[in-house]
Each structure stands twice: as structure tokens, then as C-alpha cells.
């Protein structure tokens, strides 16, 4: 793993980040010769599936979903 001083990292931060992204090799940042941090490449993105149909097989329909939830005689009261 490549090691660079913190002052060099401060001066060349964007270039070092781009280098890590391209080469996929981590870089260790040191201060007075002791490790302070490591810049590592990002983990691969998970491929996201389509959100359509994502709940398939996770629900169960109980009872009749076509008829009204209340008694039809009660609807007369609401119409007035």
C-alpha cells in the first residue's frame, strides 16, 4: 500500500482521490510516520432491481376485496 504524508495529501487531495478511484488501490496517509487514515476505493454498487413488483409474494388477500366494506344499507344515510 502506498503511503503519503498528510501534508502531501493536503496539497494533492483531489489528484490522490482520482488515483485511488482509477487504480482501485488504497493509499495510507501518515503523520510523523504513523498512520492516520486510509483512502480506499468505493465498494461496487449493488444493482437495483425494478421497484415494480418488488412486493410480489409478500402479501396475502383475506376475504372479498370486490364488495364494499360496509353494508349497502348504510350508504343510504351517507347520500342524504
N, C-alpha and C. Protein backbone atom coordinates (compact mmCIF):
# COMPACT_ATOMS: atom_id res chain seq x y z
N UNK A 1 0.85 -1.18 0.00
CA UNK A 1 0.00 0.00 0.00
C UNK A 1 0.89 1.24 0.00
N UNK A 2 0.52 2.17 -0.84
CA UNK A 2 1.28 3.41 -0.94
C UNK A 2 1.03 4.27 0.29
N UNK A 3 2.09 4.89 0.81
CA UNK A 3 1.96 5.78 1.95
C UNK A 3 2.39 7.18 1.55
N UNK A 4 1.62 8.17 1.98
CA UNK A 4 1.98 9.57 1.73
C UNK A 4 1.78 10.36 3.02
N UNK A 5 2.52 11.44 3.11
CA UNK A 5 2.40 12.27 4.32
C UNK A 5 1.12 13.10 4.24
N UNK A 6 0.68 13.52 5.40
CA UNK A 6 -0.56 14.29 5.47
C UNK A 6 -0.42 15.63 4.75
N UNK A 7 0.75 16.22 4.76
CA UNK A 7 0.95 17.49 4.06
C UNK A 7 0.87 17.30 2.55
N UNK A 8 1.41 16.20 2.05
CA UNK A 8 1.32 15.91 0.62
C UNK A 8 -0.14 15.62 0.24
N UNK A 9 -0.85 14.90 1.11
CA UNK A 9 -2.26 14.62 0.84
C UNK A 9 -3.06 15.91 0.78
N UNK A 10 -2.77 16.83 1.69
CA UNK A 10 -3.48 18.11 1.71
C UNK A 10 -3.24 18.88 0.41
N UNK A 11 -2.02 18.83 -0.10
CA UNK A 11 -1.68 19.57 -1.31
C UNK A 11 -2.26 18.92 -2.57
N UNK A 12 -2.39 17.60 -2.57
CA UNK A 12 -2.78 16.87 -3.78
C UNK A 12 -4.05 16.03 -3.58
N UNK A 13 -4.91 16.45 -2.71
CA UNK A 13 -6.07 15.64 -2.31
C UNK A 13 -6.90 15.14 -3.49
N UNK A 14 -7.34 16.02 -4.36
CA UNK A 14 -8.21 15.62 -5.47
C UNK A 14 -7.51 14.66 -6.43
N UNK A 15 -6.24 14.90 -6.68
CA UNK A 15 -5.49 14.01 -7.58
C UNK A 15 -5.32 12.63 -6.95
N UNK A 16 -5.09 12.58 -5.66
CA UNK A 16 -4.94 11.29 -4.97
C UNK A 16 -6.25 10.53 -4.97
N UNK A 17 -7.35 11.23 -4.72
CA UNK A 17 -8.66 10.57 -4.75
C UNK A 17 -8.95 10.00 -6.14
N UNK A 18 -8.62 10.74 -7.17
CA UNK A 18 -8.83 10.26 -8.53
C UNK A 18 -7.93 9.05 -8.83
N UNK A 19 -6.72 9.07 -8.32
CA UNK A 19 -5.80 7.94 -8.50
C UNK A 19 -6.36 6.68 -7.84
N UNK A 20 -6.89 6.82 -6.64
CA UNK A 20 -7.47 5.67 -5.93
C UNK A 20 -8.68 5.14 -6.70
N UNK A 21 -9.49 6.05 -7.22
CA UNK A 21 -10.67 5.62 -7.99
C UNK A 21 -10.27 4.84 -9.24
N UNK A 22 -9.24 5.31 -9.94
CA UNK A 22 -8.83 4.66 -11.19
C UNK A 22 -8.10 3.34 -10.95
N UNK A 23 -7.16 3.32 -10.00
CA UNK A 23 -6.33 2.13 -9.79
C UNK A 23 -6.95 1.11 -8.85
N UNK A 24 -7.94 1.54 -8.06
CA UNK A 24 -8.59 0.67 -7.05
C UNK A 24 -7.61 0.20 -5.98
N UNK A 25 -6.52 0.95 -5.78
CA UNK A 25 -5.53 0.62 -4.76
C UNK A 25 -5.61 1.65 -3.64
N UNK A 26 -5.67 1.21 -2.38
CA UNK A 26 -5.77 2.15 -1.27
C UNK A 26 -4.47 2.92 -1.03
N UNK A 27 -4.60 4.07 -0.38
CA UNK A 27 -3.46 4.91 -0.03
C UNK A 27 -3.55 5.19 1.47
N UNK A 28 -2.43 5.05 2.17
CA UNK A 28 -2.38 5.31 3.62
C UNK A 28 -1.79 6.70 3.83
N UNK A 29 -2.45 7.50 4.64
CA UNK A 29 -1.98 8.83 4.97
C UNK A 29 -1.31 8.77 6.33
N UNK A 30 -0.10 9.34 6.43
CA UNK A 30 0.66 9.28 7.68
C UNK A 30 0.96 10.68 8.19
N UNK A 31 1.16 10.74 9.50
CA UNK A 31 1.59 11.98 10.14
C UNK A 31 2.74 11.61 11.07
N UNK A 32 3.88 12.18 10.83
CA UNK A 32 5.10 11.85 11.55
C UNK A 32 5.39 10.35 11.46
N UNK A 33 5.08 9.76 10.31
CA UNK A 33 5.38 8.35 10.06
C UNK A 33 4.37 7.36 10.62
N UNK A 34 3.36 7.85 11.31
CA UNK A 34 2.34 6.96 11.88
C UNK A 34 1.05 7.09 11.08
N UNK A 35 0.38 5.97 10.80
CA UNK A 35 -0.85 6.01 10.00
C UNK A 35 -1.95 6.82 10.69
N UNK A 36 -2.61 7.66 9.89
CA UNK A 36 -3.72 8.48 10.38
C UNK A 36 -5.02 8.02 9.74
N UNK A 37 -4.96 7.72 8.44
CA UNK A 37 -6.16 7.33 7.70
C UNK A 37 -5.76 6.54 6.47
N UNK A 38 -6.76 5.89 5.91
CA UNK A 38 -6.57 5.19 4.64
C UNK A 38 -7.68 5.61 3.69
N UNK A 39 -7.29 5.88 2.47
CA UNK A 39 -8.26 6.19 1.42
C UNK A 39 -8.41 4.92 0.61
N UNK A 40 -9.61 4.37 0.63
CA UNK A 40 -9.86 3.11 -0.08
C UNK A 40 -10.89 3.35 -1.18
N UNK A 41 -10.83 2.55 -2.25
CA UNK A 41 -11.81 2.71 -3.32
C UNK A 41 -13.20 2.30 -2.83
N UNK A 42 -14.22 2.86 -3.43
CA UNK A 42 -15.59 2.52 -3.01
C UNK A 42 -15.93 1.08 -3.35
N UNK A 43 -16.81 0.49 -2.55
CA UNK A 43 -17.26 -0.86 -2.85
C UNK A 43 -18.17 -0.81 -4.07
N UNK A 44 -18.26 -1.92 -4.81
CA UNK A 44 -19.08 -1.91 -6.02
C UNK A 44 -20.55 -1.64 -5.70
N UNK A 45 -21.20 -0.92 -6.61
CA UNK A 45 -22.62 -0.63 -6.44
C UNK A 45 -23.44 -1.89 -6.61
N UNK A 46 -24.45 -2.02 -5.75
CA UNK A 46 -25.38 -3.13 -5.90
C UNK A 46 -26.35 -2.77 -7.02
N UNK A 47 -26.61 -3.72 -7.88
CA UNK A 47 -27.58 -3.45 -8.93
C UNK A 47 -28.96 -3.47 -8.33
N UNK A 48 -29.67 -2.41 -8.55
CA UNK A 48 -31.02 -2.33 -8.02
C UNK A 48 -31.99 -2.88 -9.06
N UNK A 49 -32.87 -3.71 -8.59
CA UNK A 49 -33.92 -4.21 -9.46
C UNK A 49 -35.01 -3.16 -9.60
N UNK A 50 -35.92 -3.44 -10.45
CA UNK A 50 -37.04 -2.53 -10.64
C UNK A 50 -37.92 -2.55 -9.40
N UNK A 51 -38.47 -1.40 -9.06
CA UNK A 51 -39.37 -1.34 -7.91
C UNK A 51 -40.72 -1.93 -8.25
N UNK A 52 -41.01 -2.07 -9.54
CA UNK A 52 -42.28 -2.68 -9.93
C UNK A 52 -42.25 -4.16 -9.58
N UNK A 53 -43.22 -4.59 -8.86
CA UNK A 53 -43.31 -6.00 -8.48
C UNK A 53 -42.43 -6.37 -7.31
N UNK A 54 -41.86 -5.40 -6.60
CA UNK A 54 -40.94 -5.71 -5.52
C UNK A 54 -41.64 -6.37 -4.32
N UNK A 55 -42.96 -6.23 -4.21
CA UNK A 55 -43.69 -6.82 -3.10
C UNK A 55 -44.37 -8.14 -3.48
N UNK A 56 -44.05 -8.65 -4.66
CA UNK A 56 -44.67 -9.88 -5.12
C UNK A 56 -44.40 -11.02 -4.14
N UNK A 57 -45.47 -11.71 -3.77
CA UNK A 57 -45.34 -12.85 -2.87
C UNK A 57 -45.25 -12.48 -1.39
N UNK A 58 -45.38 -11.22 -1.05
CA UNK A 58 -45.25 -10.80 0.34
C UNK A 58 -46.58 -10.44 0.99
N UNK A 59 -47.65 -10.48 0.20
CA UNK A 59 -48.95 -10.12 0.75
C UNK A 59 -49.93 -11.25 0.54
N UNK A 60 -50.93 -11.26 1.38
CA UNK A 60 -51.97 -12.28 1.26
C UNK A 60 -53.32 -11.56 1.37
N UNK A 61 -54.20 -11.85 0.41
CA UNK A 61 -55.52 -11.24 0.41
C UNK A 61 -56.45 -12.14 1.21
N UNK A 62 -57.08 -11.56 2.22
CA UNK A 62 -58.01 -12.30 3.06
C UNK A 62 -59.41 -11.76 2.82
N UNK A 63 -60.33 -12.61 2.46
CA UNK A 63 -61.72 -12.19 2.28
C UNK A 63 -61.97 -11.63 0.89
N UNK A 64 -63.13 -10.99 0.76
CA UNK A 64 -63.59 -10.45 -0.50
C UNK A 64 -63.10 -9.02 -0.66
N UNK A 65 -62.36 -8.75 -1.74
CA UNK A 65 -61.85 -7.39 -1.94
C UNK A 65 -62.69 -6.62 -2.95
N UNK A 66 -63.74 -7.23 -3.51
CA UNK A 66 -64.55 -6.57 -4.52
C UNK A 66 -65.77 -5.88 -3.92
N UNK A 67 -66.44 -6.54 -2.99
CA UNK A 67 -67.65 -5.95 -2.41
C UNK A 67 -67.29 -4.83 -1.45
N UNK A 68 -68.25 -3.90 -1.20
CA UNK A 68 -67.96 -2.78 -0.30
C UNK A 68 -67.65 -3.26 1.12
N UNK A 69 -66.91 -2.47 1.84
CA UNK A 69 -66.51 -2.83 3.19
C UNK A 69 -67.65 -2.69 4.18
N UNK A 70 -68.62 -1.85 3.86
CA UNK A 70 -69.75 -1.66 4.77
C UNK A 70 -71.02 -2.22 4.15
N UNK A 71 -72.04 -2.31 4.94
CA UNK A 71 -73.34 -2.80 4.50
C UNK A 71 -73.95 -1.77 3.54
N UNK A 72 -74.46 -2.19 2.36
CA UNK A 72 -75.02 -1.24 1.39
C UNK A 72 -76.16 -0.40 1.94
N UNK A 73 -76.90 -0.89 2.95
CA UNK A 73 -77.98 -0.11 3.53
C UNK A 73 -77.46 1.13 4.26
N UNK A 74 -76.25 1.06 4.76
CA UNK A 74 -75.65 2.20 5.45
C UNK A 74 -75.29 3.32 4.48
N UNK A 75 -75.14 3.02 3.21
CA UNK A 75 -74.79 4.02 2.22
C UNK A 75 -75.95 5.02 2.01
N UNK A 76 -77.17 4.59 2.23
CA UNK A 76 -78.32 5.48 2.06
C UNK A 76 -78.23 6.67 3.02
N UNK A 77 -77.73 6.45 4.21
CA UNK A 77 -77.59 7.51 5.20
C UNK A 77 -76.56 8.53 4.71
N UNK A 78 -75.52 8.07 4.07
CA UNK A 78 -74.45 8.97 3.62
C UNK A 78 -74.89 9.81 2.41
N UNK A 79 -75.82 9.32 1.61
CA UNK A 79 -76.25 10.03 0.41
C UNK A 79 -77.13 11.23 0.73
N UNK A 80 -77.80 11.25 1.88
CA UNK A 80 -78.71 12.35 2.21
C UNK A 80 -78.02 13.60 2.61
